[in-house]
Amino acid sequence: MSGISRREFFQKTAASAAVMSVVAAHVARLKASPLGLPIGSQTYPHRSRIQCNDFPGLLKDMKAVGIQVIELCNPTYNEFKSLADGKQTRKILDDNGMKAVSAHFGMASLRNDQPNQIKWAQDVGLEMMSTADLGGRVVNGRTTEEEVKRAASEYNKIAEVAMRNGMQQILHNEGFANSVLEDGRLTYPLLLQYLDPSLVKMQFQMSSMNVVGDPIMYFTNHPGRFISAHLQGVTTTAGMRATPAMALPVKSDGAAADGRGGRGGRAGGGAPVDPCAARSAAPAAPAAGARAGLPGGGGGQALALGEDTADWPKIFAAAKIGGLKYAFIEQGWEQTVKSAAYLKTLS
């Protein structure tokens, strides 16, 4: 075998080093992106920091614990008004190395102001526009099939307009979606039937699995339908049965005139509290409350992923069939840090 020159040796060595560098970078990305998904977070549990003009600080803290993408709420949510300039919001995201791929929009804003909401989404650089709750009529936790048809038809039309403008409309399951029909059937599977799968994708709320059923069942029965999810620690020891829905709190940009849509506002009565007044000596990240801001998560101390009893490896394996592209932790800060660390252990 002929020898190689000193120059050829160093050229080959440099090329090999470059290849190994690429491989190492890819492995590092895999470790930072468990299951091939970026680690995401919904910003609603941390909304007080946004309201108090600490959006850049929140992004820095999120990036430091391994969060790569976020989901916002649109500026009609009171705490998100500071993000009303979509282009400026995009600049803040870019400056902090973060990407917002989705945001929640209440039904009132989509009914009454959809063109401007789409423009804001485009300016921020979103891919998806999500709705927490269709706000269909529910009495004592029950609704009718006709109301499900009506709500689905309205949302299909909204989604068609969004798609024409390059946006994917997705539906979260809170409130109306977690109700039951008068005959005891769950509303959620019926919504999946009446919503057009070519127009509307789904965002599964993990804290609702005890109400609407096992996410694995939904993911495997509806391939490609579930593009997104909200992650919370869930206690499954009582099983995931098709039980009548609880009166779940929903977070809102303000109820529409007819009372439909949104994510519920401030709980309780009395004078409003200035959330920024007590932040003069605020820590780098907000402390988690007892319920950690979980919508529909039930009572008791909130659990991080990995501290609960949900079988997350099996759920994520099924989620690949469901078409999951983004999974957003939606918890208070302490649980967010723990859940992000747990997600990095999955492969």
Foldseek 3Di string as FASTA:
>chain_A
DDDDDPVVVVVVVVVVVVVVVVVVVVVVVCLLAPPVAAAEAECVLQLLCQLLVNVLLVLLVCVVLRHAEYEEAALLQPSNVVCPQLLVLLVSCVVSNHAYAEYEYKPQCLVPPVVSVLVSCVNNPYAEYEFEFLFFDDDPLEDALVSLLVSQVVVLVSLVVSVVSRHAYEYEDDDPQLGAYPVLHHSVVSNVVNHDQVRYAYEYEVLCQLACHDLLVVLQVAFQRHAHYEDFAAAQPVHNDNDGGDRWAFAASDAHPVRGIGGDDDDDDDDDDNSCPPCPVPDSFDDADQFQPRTNNDDGRTAAPVRHDDPVVSSVVSNVRSNYHHYHYYGHDVSSSVNSVVSSPHD
